[in-house]
Amino acid sequence: MARQFSKVSSSIWDSRKFRKLGDDDARLAYLYLITGPQANSAGCYSLSIGYACDKLDWERDRFRKAIERLCQAYLIEFDEDENAVRIVNWWRFNAPTNPKHARGVLVDIEQASSFPLKCSAFHELVDNLREKAFKADKDLVKDIERLSKAYPKTLGTQTETQTQTETRQRPDGDEDRDGEGVSARANGGGVLPSAAAPDGAALGLLTDEEDNVHPLLKTRMMRGTA
């Protein structure tokens, strides 16, 4: 779904994580990922590094370093193998406003190239939709049921017990929380877990030895928490 604008809360300038990024490159890259022409209504999309660098007038190494800083601060998740990004806590300010909008968001999620990021984005969206009166829309319910089979919840989200240790008080998950998350890093053998992701989503730790590993899950992920 083509996106003409994105919501950026003014509270971002009071955000502990945003202010602690330490450099303007990371801050500008974050605003680009939210508002840039590649962004979509799901906050989860395939990212052309070359296109982004052209818009920012940056070298690739400069952009990659900014992405790494954003992952370390857990403002985004980035799939290095698929060049896909997911904005953490996207639904707080960009939640669907009606069933038709929600169905368009589901289409955007399907088009993202990273399977684990799609799992996280989809199940966070479903959690958001539970709070809305969209259940009467049969087409939306049908789409959700179909994608629930394609994107297993056990691969894309945390358990309720883990989620209860987290906070949703700020748009970037700034508030203190009980758990400790992992630092952003690459792992060629599987998907990195997050013990207490501030957005309530984590990707299960899957290794090559496990029989149920989806081939698309064998990818390098960058994610973490400040």
N, C-alpha and C. Protein backbone atom coordinates (compact mmCIF):
# COMPACT_ATOMS: atom_id res chain seq x y z
N MET A 1 0.84 -1.19 0.00
CA MET A 1 0.00 0.00 0.00
C MET A 1 0.88 1.24 0.00
N ALA A 2 0.71 2.12 -0.98
CA ALA A 2 1.48 3.34 -1.05
C ALA A 2 1.20 4.20 0.18
N ARG A 3 2.22 4.78 0.76
CA ARG A 3 2.06 5.55 1.99
C ARG A 3 2.48 6.99 1.74
N GLN A 4 1.55 7.92 1.92
CA GLN A 4 1.83 9.32 1.66
C GLN A 4 2.42 10.03 2.87
N PHE A 5 2.16 9.51 4.06
CA PHE A 5 2.73 10.11 5.26
C PHE A 5 2.79 9.07 6.37
N SER A 6 3.61 9.32 7.38
CA SER A 6 3.70 8.47 8.56
C SER A 6 3.62 9.36 9.79
N LYS A 7 3.09 8.81 10.87
CA LYS A 7 2.96 9.57 12.10
C LYS A 7 4.25 9.47 12.91
N VAL A 8 4.80 10.61 13.27
CA VAL A 8 5.97 10.65 14.14
C VAL A 8 5.59 11.50 15.35
N SER A 9 5.53 10.89 16.51
CA SER A 9 5.12 11.60 17.71
C SER A 9 6.16 12.62 18.13
N SER A 10 5.70 13.76 18.62
CA SER A 10 6.62 14.79 19.12
C SER A 10 7.38 14.30 20.35
N SER A 11 6.88 13.22 20.99
CA SER A 11 7.55 12.68 22.17
C SER A 11 8.88 12.02 21.81
N ILE A 12 9.14 11.86 20.52
CA ILE A 12 10.41 11.26 20.12
C ILE A 12 11.60 12.07 20.62
N TRP A 13 11.41 13.39 20.75
CA TRP A 13 12.51 14.25 21.17
C TRP A 13 12.76 14.16 22.67
N ASP A 14 11.85 13.52 23.39
CA ASP A 14 12.05 13.26 24.82
C ASP A 14 12.41 11.80 25.06
N SER A 15 12.47 11.03 23.99
CA SER A 15 12.74 9.61 24.11
C SER A 15 14.17 9.35 24.58
N ARG A 16 14.29 8.58 25.63
CA ARG A 16 15.63 8.25 26.14
C ARG A 16 16.45 7.51 25.10
N LYS A 17 15.83 6.55 24.43
CA LYS A 17 16.57 5.77 23.43
C LYS A 17 17.00 6.63 22.25
N PHE A 18 16.10 7.46 21.78
CA PHE A 18 16.41 8.31 20.63
C PHE A 18 17.53 9.28 20.97
N ARG A 19 17.48 9.85 22.17
CA ARG A 19 18.50 10.82 22.58
C ARG A 19 19.84 10.15 22.85
N LYS A 20 19.80 8.88 23.28
CA LYS A 20 21.03 8.18 23.62
C LYS A 20 21.69 7.53 22.41
N LEU A 21 21.13 7.71 21.23
CA LEU A 21 21.75 7.13 20.04
C LEU A 21 23.17 7.64 19.86
N GLY A 22 23.42 8.86 20.29
CA GLY A 22 24.79 9.35 20.32
C GLY A 22 25.27 10.04 19.07
N ASP A 23 24.57 9.90 17.96
CA ASP A 23 24.99 10.58 16.75
C ASP A 23 23.78 10.91 15.88
N ASP A 24 23.91 11.97 15.11
CA ASP A 24 22.81 12.43 14.28
C ASP A 24 22.55 11.50 13.10
N ASP A 25 23.56 10.74 12.68
CA ASP A 25 23.35 9.80 11.57
C ASP A 25 22.27 8.78 11.93
N ALA A 26 22.36 8.20 13.12
CA ALA A 26 21.38 7.20 13.54
C ALA A 26 20.00 7.82 13.66
N ARG A 27 19.93 9.03 14.18
CA ARG A 27 18.64 9.70 14.34
C ARG A 27 18.02 9.99 12.96
N LEU A 28 18.82 10.47 12.03
CA LEU A 28 18.30 10.76 10.70
C LEU A 28 17.89 9.48 9.98
N ALA A 29 18.68 8.42 10.15
CA ALA A 29 18.33 7.14 9.52
C ALA A 29 17.00 6.63 10.07
N TYR A 30 16.78 6.80 11.36
CA TYR A 30 15.53 6.34 11.98
C TYR A 30 14.34 7.10 11.38
N LEU A 31 14.46 8.40 11.26
CA LEU A 31 13.39 9.21 10.68
C LEU A 31 13.17 8.84 9.21
N TYR A 32 14.26 8.51 8.52
CA TYR A 32 14.12 8.09 7.12
C TYR A 32 13.34 6.77 7.04
N LEU A 33 13.68 5.82 7.91
CA LEU A 33 13.01 4.52 7.87
C LEU A 33 11.52 4.63 8.17
N ILE A 34 11.14 5.62 8.95
CA ILE A 34 9.73 5.82 9.28
C ILE A 34 8.99 6.58 8.19
N THR A 35 9.65 7.58 7.64
CA THR A 35 8.95 8.51 6.72
C THR A 35 9.36 8.39 5.26
N GLY A 36 10.41 7.63 4.98
CA GLY A 36 10.95 7.58 3.63
C GLY A 36 10.03 6.92 2.62
N PRO A 37 10.34 7.07 1.34
CA PRO A 37 9.50 6.53 0.27
C PRO A 37 9.41 5.01 0.23
N GLN A 38 10.32 4.32 0.90
CA GLN A 38 10.25 2.85 0.93
C GLN A 38 9.34 2.33 2.04
N ALA A 39 9.04 3.17 3.03
CA ALA A 39 8.22 2.75 4.16
C ALA A 39 6.81 2.41 3.70
N ASN A 40 6.17 1.51 4.44
CA ASN A 40 4.79 1.12 4.09
C ASN A 40 3.90 1.21 5.32
N SER A 41 2.66 0.78 5.18
CA SER A 41 1.69 0.92 6.26
C SER A 41 1.90 -0.10 7.36
N ALA A 42 2.80 -1.07 7.16
CA ALA A 42 3.05 -2.10 8.16
C ALA A 42 4.30 -1.82 9.00
N GLY A 43 5.12 -0.87 8.59
CA GLY A 43 6.36 -0.63 9.30
C GLY A 43 7.31 -1.81 9.20
N CYS A 44 7.09 -2.67 8.23
CA CYS A 44 7.89 -3.87 8.00
C CYS A 44 8.02 -4.04 6.50
N TYR A 45 9.21 -3.87 5.97
CA TYR A 45 9.32 -3.86 4.51
C TYR A 45 10.75 -4.17 4.05
N SER A 46 10.85 -4.54 2.79
CA SER A 46 12.15 -4.77 2.17
C SER A 46 12.80 -3.42 1.91
N LEU A 47 14.07 -3.32 2.25
CA LEU A 47 14.77 -2.05 2.19
C LEU A 47 15.88 -2.08 1.15
N SER A 48 15.81 -1.19 0.18
CA SER A 48 16.89 -1.05 -0.79
C SER A 48 17.96 -0.13 -0.19
N ILE A 49 19.11 -0.71 0.16
CA ILE A 49 20.17 0.06 0.78
C ILE A 49 20.67 1.14 -0.18
N GLY A 50 20.83 0.77 -1.45
CA GLY A 50 21.31 1.73 -2.43
C GLY A 50 20.37 2.92 -2.58
N TYR A 51 19.08 2.65 -2.62
CA TYR A 51 18.09 3.71 -2.75
C TYR A 51 18.11 4.63 -1.54
N ALA A 52 18.21 4.03 -0.34
CA ALA A 52 18.26 4.83 0.88
C ALA A 52 19.49 5.71 0.91
N CYS A 53 20.64 5.15 0.51
CA CYS A 53 21.88 5.93 0.50
C CYS A 53 21.80 7.06 -0.51
N ASP A 54 21.13 6.83 -1.61
CA ASP A 54 20.97 7.88 -2.61
C ASP A 54 20.13 9.03 -2.06
N LYS A 55 19.05 8.71 -1.35
CA LYS A 55 18.20 9.74 -0.77
C LYS A 55 18.90 10.52 0.33
N LEU A 56 19.71 9.81 1.12
CA LEU A 56 20.42 10.45 2.23
C LEU A 56 21.75 11.06 1.80
N ASP A 57 22.17 10.72 0.58
CA ASP A 57 23.48 11.16 0.07
C ASP A 57 24.61 10.65 0.97
N TRP A 58 24.52 9.37 1.31
CA TRP A 58 25.50 8.70 2.17
C TRP A 58 26.18 7.57 1.43
N GLU A 59 27.36 7.18 1.94
CA GLU A 59 28.00 5.96 1.51
C GLU A 59 27.34 4.78 2.23
N ARG A 60 27.41 3.58 1.64
CA ARG A 60 26.76 2.41 2.23
C ARG A 60 27.26 2.12 3.64
N ASP A 61 28.56 2.24 3.87
CA ASP A 61 29.11 1.94 5.18
C ASP A 61 28.53 2.87 6.24
N ARG A 62 28.32 4.10 5.90
CA ARG A 62 27.73 5.07 6.83
C ARG A 62 26.31 4.67 7.20
N PHE A 63 25.56 4.24 6.21
CA PHE A 63 24.17 3.83 6.46
C PHE A 63 24.13 2.55 7.29
N ARG A 64 25.01 1.60 6.98
CA ARG A 64 25.04 0.34 7.73
C ARG A 64 25.36 0.59 9.21
N LYS A 65 26.27 1.50 9.48
CA LYS A 65 26.62 1.82 10.86
C LYS A 65 25.43 2.43 11.60
N ALA A 66 24.67 3.27 10.90
CA ALA A 66 23.49 3.87 11.51
C ALA A 66 22.44 2.80 11.81
N ILE A 67 22.28 1.85 10.89
CA ILE A 67 21.34 0.75 11.10
C ILE A 67 21.74 -0.06 12.33
N GLU A 68 23.02 -0.33 12.46
CA GLU A 68 23.49 -1.11 13.60
C GLU A 68 23.20 -0.39 14.92
N ARG A 69 23.38 0.92 14.95
CA ARG A 69 23.08 1.69 16.16
C ARG A 69 21.60 1.61 16.51
N LEU A 70 20.75 1.67 15.51
CA LEU A 70 19.31 1.59 15.74
C LEU A 70 18.90 0.21 16.25
N CYS A 71 19.57 -0.82 15.76
CA CYS A 71 19.30 -2.18 16.25
C CYS A 71 19.76 -2.33 17.70
N GLN A 72 20.91 -1.77 18.02
CA GLN A 72 21.43 -1.85 19.38
C GLN A 72 20.49 -1.14 20.35
N ALA A 73 19.86 -0.08 19.90
CA ALA A 73 18.92 0.67 20.75
C ALA A 73 17.54 0.04 20.74
N TYR A 74 17.35 -1.01 19.97
CA TYR A 74 16.09 -1.69 19.77
C TYR A 74 14.98 -0.74 19.33
N LEU A 75 15.33 0.13 18.41
CA LEU A 75 14.34 0.97 17.75
C LEU A 75 13.86 0.30 16.46
N ILE A 76 14.68 -0.60 15.92
CA ILE A 76 14.31 -1.37 14.73
C ILE A 76 14.84 -2.79 14.86
N GLU A 77 14.35 -3.66 13.99
CA GLU A 77 14.97 -4.96 13.73
C GLU A 77 15.36 -4.97 12.27
N PHE A 78 16.49 -5.58 11.97
CA PHE A 78 16.97 -5.59 10.59
C PHE A 78 17.45 -6.98 10.21
N ASP A 79 16.97 -7.49 9.10
CA ASP A 79 17.36 -8.79 8.57
C ASP A 79 18.43 -8.54 7.50
N GLU A 80 19.66 -8.88 7.84
CA GLU A 80 20.79 -8.59 6.95
C GLU A 80 20.73 -9.38 5.65
N ASP A 81 20.30 -10.64 5.74
CA ASP A 81 20.26 -11.48 4.54
C ASP A 81 19.19 -11.02 3.56
N GLU A 82 18.07 -10.57 4.09
CA GLU A 82 16.95 -10.19 3.24
C GLU A 82 16.86 -8.68 3.02
N ASN A 83 17.73 -7.91 3.70
CA ASN A 83 17.65 -6.45 3.63
C ASN A 83 16.22 -5.97 3.90
N ALA A 84 15.70 -6.41 5.05
CA ALA A 84 14.35 -6.04 5.46
C ALA A 84 14.42 -5.41 6.84
N VAL A 85 13.49 -4.50 7.11
CA VAL A 85 13.48 -3.78 8.38
C VAL A 85 12.09 -3.84 8.99
N ARG A 86 12.04 -3.83 10.32
CA ARG A 86 10.78 -3.69 11.04
C ARG A 86 10.94 -2.61 12.09
N ILE A 87 10.04 -1.63 12.09
CA ILE A 87 10.08 -0.56 13.07
C ILE A 87 9.43 -1.06 14.35
N VAL A 88 10.16 -1.02 15.45
CA VAL A 88 9.64 -1.46 16.73
C VAL A 88 8.55 -0.50 17.21
N ASN A 89 7.47 -1.07 17.75
CA ASN A 89 6.35 -0.29 18.27
C ASN A 89 5.63 0.53 17.20
N TRP A 90 5.64 0.03 15.99
CA TRP A 90 5.01 0.74 14.87
C TRP A 90 3.53 0.98 15.09
N TRP A 91 2.83 -0.02 15.64
CA TRP A 91 1.37 0.06 15.74
C TRP A 91 0.89 1.07 16.76
N ARG A 92 1.78 1.54 17.62
CA ARG A 92 1.36 2.52 18.62
C ARG A 92 0.82 3.79 17.98
N PHE A 93 1.44 4.19 16.87
CA PHE A 93 1.00 5.43 16.22
C PHE A 93 0.49 5.21 14.80
N ASN A 94 0.59 4.00 14.31
CA ASN A 94 0.18 3.75 12.92
C ASN A 94 -0.76 2.55 12.81
N ALA A 95 -1.57 2.35 13.81
CA ALA A 95 -2.52 1.23 13.80
C ALA A 95 -3.61 1.44 12.76
N PRO A 96 -4.13 0.36 12.18
CA PRO A 96 -5.23 0.48 11.20
C PRO A 96 -6.45 1.17 11.81
N THR A 97 -7.11 1.97 11.01
CA THR A 97 -8.26 2.73 11.50
C THR A 97 -9.59 2.10 11.13
N ASN A 98 -9.58 1.13 10.21
CA ASN A 98 -10.81 0.46 9.80
C ASN A 98 -10.43 -0.88 9.16
N PRO A 99 -11.41 -1.77 8.95
CA PRO A 99 -11.10 -3.10 8.39
C PRO A 99 -10.41 -3.05 7.03
N LYS A 100 -10.83 -2.14 6.17
CA LYS A 100 -10.20 -2.04 4.85
C LYS A 100 -8.73 -1.66 4.98
N HIS A 101 -8.46 -0.73 5.88
CA HIS A 101 -7.08 -0.33 6.15
C HIS A 101 -6.27 -1.52 6.67
N ALA A 102 -6.88 -2.29 7.57
CA ALA A 102 -6.19 -3.45 8.15
C ALA A 102 -5.86 -4.48 7.08
N ARG A 103 -6.76 -4.70 6.14
CA ARG A 103 -6.50 -5.66 5.07
C ARG A 103 -5.34 -5.19 4.18
N GLY A 104 -5.28 -3.88 3.95
CA GLY A 104 -4.16 -3.34 3.18
C GLY A 104 -2.83 -3.52 3.91
N VAL A 105 -2.85 -3.37 5.23
CA VAL A 105 -1.64 -3.58 6.02
C VAL A 105 -1.18 -5.03 5.92
N LEU A 106 -2.12 -5.96 5.94
CA LEU A 106 -1.77 -7.38 5.81
C LEU A 106 -1.08 -7.66 4.47
N VAL A 107 -1.54 -6.99 3.41
CA VAL A 107 -0.90 -7.13 2.10
C VAL A 107 0.54 -6.65 2.17
N ASP A 108 0.76 -5.52 2.85
CA ASP A 108 2.12 -4.99 2.98
C ASP A 108 3.02 -5.95 3.75
N ILE A 109 2.49 -6.57 4.80
CA ILE A 109 3.28 -7.52 5.58
C ILE A 109 3.69 -8.70 4.70
N GLU A 110 2.78 -9.20 3.90
CA GLU A 110 3.08 -10.33 3.03
C GLU A 110 4.18 -10.01 2.03
N GLN A 111 4.30 -8.76 1.63
CA GLN A 111 5.27 -8.38 0.61
C GLN A 111 6.68 -8.21 1.14
N ALA A 112 6.83 -8.13 2.46
CA ALA A 112 8.17 -8.01 3.04
C ALA A 112 8.96 -9.29 2.77
N SER A 113 10.25 -9.17 2.61
CA SER A 113 11.07 -10.31 2.21
C SER A 113 11.53 -11.18 3.38
N SER A 114 11.48 -10.68 4.59
CA SER A 114 11.98 -11.42 5.75
C SER A 114 10.86 -12.18 6.45
N PHE A 115 10.94 -13.50 6.45
CA PHE A 115 9.91 -14.32 7.08
C PHE A 115 9.80 -14.06 8.59
N PRO A 116 10.88 -14.07 9.36
CA PRO A 116 10.74 -13.84 10.80
C PRO A 116 10.20 -12.46 11.14
N LEU A 117 10.59 -11.44 10.37
CA LEU A 117 10.05 -10.10 10.64
C LEU A 117 8.57 -10.03 10.31
N LYS A 118 8.16 -10.75 9.27
CA LYS A 118 6.74 -10.80 8.93
C LYS A 118 5.95 -11.47 10.05
N CYS A 119 6.51 -12.51 10.64
CA CYS A 119 5.83 -13.18 11.76
C CYS A 119 5.60 -12.19 12.90
N SER A 120 6.64 -11.46 13.26
CA SER A 120 6.52 -10.50 14.36
C SER A 120 5.49 -9.42 14.04
N ALA A 121 5.60 -8.85 12.84
CA ALA A 121 4.69 -7.77 12.45
C ALA A 121 3.25 -8.24 12.41
N PHE A 122 3.02 -9.44 11.88
CA PHE A 122 1.66 -9.96 11.75
C PHE A 122 1.01 -10.17 13.11
N HIS A 123 1.71 -10.84 14.03
CA HIS A 123 1.09 -11.15 15.30
C HIS A 123 0.95 -9.92 16.20
N GLU A 124 1.83 -8.94 16.06
CA GLU A 124 1.63 -7.69 16.78
C GLU A 124 0.40 -6.97 16.24
N LEU A 125 0.21 -7.04 14.93
CA LEU A 125 -0.98 -6.42 14.34
C LEU A 125 -2.25 -7.10 14.85
N VAL A 126 -2.25 -8.42 14.89
CA VAL A 126 -3.42 -9.15 15.37
C VAL A 126 -3.74 -8.76 16.80
N ASP A 127 -2.71 -8.64 17.64
CA ASP A 127 -2.93 -8.20 19.03
C ASP A 127 -3.56 -6.82 19.06
N ASN A 128 -3.12 -5.95 18.17
CA ASN A 128 -3.68 -4.60 18.11
C ASN A 128 -5.13 -4.63 17.66
N LEU A 129 -5.44 -5.48 16.69
CA LEU A 129 -6.79 -5.54 16.14
C LEU A 129 -7.79 -6.11 17.15
N ARG A 130 -7.31 -6.90 18.11
CA ARG A 130 -8.20 -7.46 19.13
C ARG A 130 -8.85 -6.34 19.95
N GLU A 131 -8.18 -5.20 20.00
CA GLU A 131 -8.71 -4.09 20.78
C GLU A 131 -9.70 -3.24 19.99
N LYS A 132 -9.89 -3.59 18.73
CA LYS A 132 -10.77 -2.80 17.87
C LYS A 132 -12.01 -3.60 17.50
N ALA A 133 -13.04 -2.90 17.04
CA ALA A 133 -14.30 -3.56 16.69
C ALA A 133 -14.32 -3.94 15.21
N PHE A 134 -13.34 -4.75 14.81
CA PHE A 134 -13.23 -5.15 13.41
C PHE A 134 -13.68 -6.59 13.19
N LYS A 135 -14.12 -7.26 14.25
CA LYS A 135 -14.43 -8.68 14.15
C LYS A 135 -15.59 -8.98 13.20
N ALA A 136 -16.44 -7.99 12.96
CA ALA A 136 -17.61 -8.23 12.11
C ALA A 136 -17.24 -8.29 10.63
N ASP A 137 -16.04 -7.86 10.29
CA ASP A 137 -15.63 -7.86 8.88
C ASP A 137 -15.16 -9.26 8.50
N LYS A 138 -15.96 -9.97 7.74
CA LYS A 138 -15.68 -11.36 7.40
C LYS A 138 -14.42 -11.50 6.54
N ASP A 139 -14.21 -10.56 5.61
CA ASP A 139 -13.02 -10.65 4.75
C ASP A 139 -11.74 -10.49 5.57
N LEU A 140 -11.76 -9.59 6.53
CA LEU A 140 -10.59 -9.39 7.38
C LEU A 140 -10.33 -10.62 8.23
N VAL A 141 -11.37 -11.18 8.80
CA VAL A 141 -11.22 -12.39 9.61
C VAL A 141 -10.66 -13.53 8.77
N LYS A 142 -11.13 -13.64 7.55
CA LYS A 142 -10.65 -14.71 6.65
C LYS A 142 -9.16 -14.52 6.34
N ASP A 143 -8.76 -13.29 6.08
CA ASP A 143 -7.34 -13.02 5.80
C ASP A 143 -6.47 -13.35 7.01
N ILE A 144 -6.93 -12.98 8.19
CA ILE A 144 -6.17 -13.25 9.41
C ILE A 144 -6.04 -14.75 9.64
N GLU A 145 -7.11 -15.50 9.44
CA GLU A 145 -7.06 -16.95 9.61
C GLU A 145 -6.08 -17.58 8.63
N ARG A 146 -6.07 -17.09 7.40
CA ARG A 146 -5.16 -17.63 6.39
C ARG A 146 -3.70 -17.36 6.77
N LEU A 147 -3.41 -16.14 7.19
CA LEU A 147 -2.04 -15.78 7.50
C LEU A 147 -1.57 -16.37 8.83
N SER A 148 -2.51 -16.69 9.70
CA SER A 148 -2.13 -17.32 10.97
C SER A 148 -1.46 -18.67 10.71
N LYS A 149 -1.86 -19.34 9.65
CA LYS A 149 -1.25 -20.61 9.28
C LYS A 149 0.11 -20.40 8.61
N ALA A 150 0.23 -19.31 7.86
CA ALA A 150 1.48 -19.03 7.15
C ALA A 150 2.57 -18.50 8.08
N TYR A 151 2.16 -17.76 9.11
CA TYR A 151 3.12 -17.14 10.03
C TYR A 151 2.88 -17.66 11.44
N PRO A 152 3.50 -18.78 11.81
CA PRO A 152 3.27 -19.38 13.13
C PRO A 152 3.63 -18.44 14.26
N LYS A 153 2.75 -18.38 15.24
CA LYS A 153 2.99 -17.49 16.38
C LYS A 153 4.19 -17.92 17.19
N THR A 154 4.46 -19.21 17.27
CA THR A 154 5.60 -19.69 18.05
C THR A 154 6.92 -19.22 17.48
N LEU A 155 6.94 -18.85 16.19
CA LEU A 155 8.17 -18.36 15.58
C LEU A 155 8.26 -16.85 15.61
N GLY A 156 7.15 -16.19 15.75
CA GLY A 156 7.16 -14.74 15.58
C GLY A 156 6.98 -13.92 16.82
N THR A 157 6.48 -14.50 17.93
CA THR A 157 6.21 -13.68 19.10
C THR A 157 6.61 -14.38 20.37
N GLN A 158 6.62 -13.62 21.46
CA GLN A 158 6.94 -14.18 22.75
C GLN A 158 5.71 -14.79 23.39
N THR A 159 5.95 -15.46 24.50
CA THR A 159 4.83 -15.97 25.30
C THR A 159 4.23 -14.83 26.10
N GLU A 160 3.02 -15.04 26.62
CA GLU A 160 2.36 -14.02 27.43
C GLU A 160 3.16 -13.71 28.68
N THR A 161 3.78 -14.74 29.25
CA THR A 161 4.57 -14.52 30.46
C THR A 161 5.71 -13.56 30.20
N GLN A 162 6.40 -13.72 29.07
CA GLN A 162 7.49 -12.81 28.72
C GLN A 162 6.97 -11.41 28.49
N THR A 163 5.87 -11.31 27.80
CA THR A 163 5.32 -10.01 27.46
C THR A 163 4.95 -9.24 28.72
N GLN A 164 4.50 -9.93 29.76
CA GLN A 164 4.08 -9.25 30.97
C GLN A 164 5.23 -8.54 31.67
N THR A 165 6.47 -8.89 31.36
CA THR A 165 7.62 -8.24 31.98
C THR A 165 8.01 -6.97 31.27
N GLU A 166 7.32 -6.65 30.20
CA GLU A 166 7.72 -5.53 29.37
C GLU A 166 6.84 -4.32 29.58
N THR A 167 7.21 -3.24 28.91
CA THR A 167 6.46 -2.00 29.04
C THR A 167 5.98 -1.52 27.70
N ARG A 168 4.87 -0.80 27.71
CA ARG A 168 4.34 -0.19 26.50
C ARG A 168 4.03 1.28 26.78
N GLN A 169 4.78 1.89 27.67
CA GLN A 169 4.46 3.23 28.10
C GLN A 169 4.92 4.32 27.14
N ARG A 170 5.95 4.03 26.32
CA ARG A 170 6.46 5.04 25.42
C ARG A 170 6.49 4.47 24.01
N PRO A 171 6.47 5.34 23.00
CA PRO A 171 6.42 4.85 21.62
C PRO A 171 7.62 4.03 21.21
N ASP A 172 8.75 4.20 21.89
CA ASP A 172 9.94 3.43 21.54
C ASP A 172 10.29 2.42 22.62
N GLY A 173 9.39 2.21 23.60
CA GLY A 173 9.65 1.24 24.66
C GLY A 173 10.71 1.70 25.62
N ASP A 174 10.76 3.00 25.93
CA ASP A 174 11.84 3.55 26.74
C ASP A 174 11.79 3.19 28.21
N GLU A 175 10.61 2.92 28.77
CA GLU A 175 10.50 2.73 30.20
C GLU A 175 11.32 1.54 30.67
N ASP A 176 11.71 1.55 31.93
CA ASP A 176 12.47 0.46 32.51
C ASP A 176 11.66 -0.82 32.46
N ARG A 177 12.32 -1.96 32.36
CA ARG A 177 11.65 -3.24 32.32
C ARG A 177 12.47 -4.26 33.08
N ASP A 178 11.88 -5.38 33.38
CA ASP A 178 12.53 -6.36 34.24
C ASP A 178 13.56 -7.19 33.51
N GLY A 179 13.28 -7.58 32.27
CA GLY A 179 14.15 -8.53 31.58
C GLY A 179 15.34 -7.88 30.93
N GLU A 180 16.28 -8.69 30.50
CA GLU A 180 17.44 -8.24 29.77
C GLU A 180 17.34 -8.78 28.36
N GLY A 181 17.54 -7.93 27.38
CA GLY A 181 17.49 -8.34 25.98
C GLY A 181 18.88 -8.64 25.46
N VAL A 182 18.96 -9.12 24.24
CA VAL A 182 20.25 -9.40 23.63
C VAL A 182 20.71 -8.19 22.86
N SER A 183 22.01 -8.05 22.68
CA SER A 183 22.54 -6.99 21.86
C SER A 183 22.42 -7.37 20.41
N ALA A 184 22.37 -6.35 19.56
CA ALA A 184 22.27 -6.63 18.13
C ALA A 184 23.54 -7.32 17.66
N ARG A 185 23.36 -8.38 16.90
CA ARG A 185 24.52 -9.09 16.36
C ARG A 185 24.05 -9.97 15.21
N ALA A 186 24.99 -10.49 14.45
CA ALA A 186 24.64 -11.37 13.34
C ALA A 186 24.82 -12.81 13.79
N ASN A 187 23.97 -13.69 13.25
CA ASN A 187 24.05 -15.11 13.60
C ASN A 187 23.63 -15.91 12.39
N GLY A 188 24.61 -16.51 11.73
CA GLY A 188 24.31 -17.24 10.52
C GLY A 188 23.54 -18.53 10.75
N GLY A 189 23.47 -19.02 12.01
CA GLY A 189 22.83 -20.29 12.27
C GLY A 189 21.38 -20.20 12.69
N GLY A 190 20.85 -19.01 12.85
CA GLY A 190 19.47 -18.95 13.29
C GLY A 190 19.03 -17.53 13.56
N VAL A 191 17.93 -17.41 14.29
CA VAL A 191 17.35 -16.12 14.59
C VAL A 191 17.62 -15.78 16.04
N LEU A 192 18.03 -14.56 16.29
CA LEU A 192 18.35 -14.16 17.64
C LEU A 192 17.11 -13.97 18.48
N PRO A 193 17.15 -14.39 19.76
CA PRO A 193 16.01 -14.18 20.65
C PRO A 193 16.11 -12.83 21.33
N SER A 194 15.05 -12.38 21.95
CA SER A 194 15.07 -11.20 22.80
C SER A 194 14.30 -11.55 24.06
N ALA A 195 14.98 -11.53 25.18
CA ALA A 195 14.35 -11.99 26.41
C ALA A 195 13.25 -11.06 26.88
N ALA A 196 13.36 -9.79 26.58
CA ALA A 196 12.34 -8.84 27.03
C ALA A 196 12.24 -7.69 26.07
N ALA A 197 11.82 -7.97 24.86
CA ALA A 197 11.70 -6.93 23.84
C ALA A 197 10.63 -5.92 24.25
N PRO A 198 10.94 -4.62 24.21
CA PRO A 198 9.99 -3.61 24.68
C PRO A 198 8.72 -3.53 23.87
N ASP A 199 8.70 -4.08 22.68
CA ASP A 199 7.48 -4.03 21.88
C ASP A 199 6.65 -5.30 22.04
N GLY A 200 7.11 -6.21 22.88
CA GLY A 200 6.34 -7.43 23.13
C GLY A 200 6.53 -8.49 22.09
N ALA A 201 7.55 -8.36 21.23
CA ALA A 201 7.77 -9.37 20.20
C ALA A 201 9.18 -9.90 20.31
N ALA A 202 9.35 -11.17 20.04
CA ALA A 202 10.68 -11.74 19.98
C ALA A 202 10.66 -12.91 19.03
N LEU A 203 11.80 -13.17 18.42
CA LEU A 203 11.91 -14.29 17.51
C LEU A 203 12.53 -15.45 18.26
N GLY A 204 11.91 -16.62 18.19
CA GLY A 204 12.40 -17.77 18.93
C GLY A 204 13.78 -18.19 18.47
N LEU A 205 14.58 -18.70 19.37
CA LEU A 205 15.92 -19.17 19.03
C LEU A 205 15.81 -20.50 18.31
N LEU A 206 16.15 -20.50 17.04
CA LEU A 206 16.09 -21.71 16.23
C LEU A 206 17.46 -21.98 15.64
N THR A 207 17.92 -23.21 15.72
CA THR A 207 19.22 -23.56 15.20
C THR A 207 19.09 -24.56 14.07
N ASP A 208 20.17 -24.77 13.34
CA ASP A 208 20.15 -25.67 12.19
C ASP A 208 19.89 -27.11 12.60
N GLU A 209 20.14 -27.45 13.88
CA GLU A 209 19.94 -28.83 14.30
C GLU A 209 18.47 -29.17 14.47
N GLU A 210 17.62 -28.17 14.62
CA GLU A 210 16.21 -28.44 14.86
C GLU A 210 15.51 -28.84 13.57
N ASP A 211 14.62 -29.80 13.68
CA ASP A 211 13.93 -30.33 12.52
C ASP A 211 12.90 -29.36 11.96
N ASN A 212 12.36 -28.47 12.82
CA ASN A 212 11.26 -27.63 12.38
C ASN A 212 11.70 -26.25 11.91
N VAL A 213 12.97 -26.09 11.60
CA VAL A 213 13.44 -24.79 11.14
C VAL A 213 12.97 -24.52 9.72
N HIS A 214 12.26 -23.44 9.55
CA HIS A 214 11.86 -23.03 8.21
C HIS A 214 13.10 -22.54 7.48
N PRO A 215 13.32 -22.90 6.21
CA PRO A 215 14.54 -22.49 5.50
C PRO A 215 14.75 -20.99 5.48
N LEU A 216 13.67 -20.21 5.49
CA LEU A 216 13.80 -18.76 5.45
C LEU A 216 14.20 -18.18 6.80
N LEU A 217 14.18 -19.03 7.84
CA LEU A 217 14.58 -18.56 9.15
C LEU A 217 16.09 -18.62 9.35
N LYS A 218 16.78 -19.29 8.45
CA LYS A 218 18.23 -19.38 8.55
C LYS A 218 18.83 -18.12 7.95
N THR A 219 18.77 -17.06 8.71
CA THR A 219 19.17 -15.74 8.22
C THR A 219 19.85 -14.98 9.34
N ARG A 220 20.57 -13.97 8.99
CA ARG A 220 21.26 -13.16 9.98
C ARG A 220 20.35 -12.02 10.39
N MET A 221 20.17 -11.87 11.72
CA MET A 221 19.30 -10.83 12.24
C MET A 221 20.11 -9.88 13.10
N MET A 222 19.78 -8.63 13.01
CA MET A 222 20.34 -7.62 13.90
C MET A 222 19.21 -7.09 14.75
N ARG A 223 19.34 -7.27 16.07
CA ARG A 223 18.33 -6.75 16.98
C ARG A 223 18.95 -6.64 18.35
N GLY A 224 18.38 -5.87 19.21
CA GLY A 224 18.94 -5.73 20.54
C GLY A 224 18.17 -4.75 21.37
N THR A 225 18.77 -4.35 22.48
CA THR A 225 18.13 -3.39 23.37
C THR A 225 19.20 -2.55 24.02
N ALA A 226 18.86 -1.29 24.22
CA ALA A 226 19.85 -0.37 24.79
C ALA A 226 20.13 -0.73 26.24
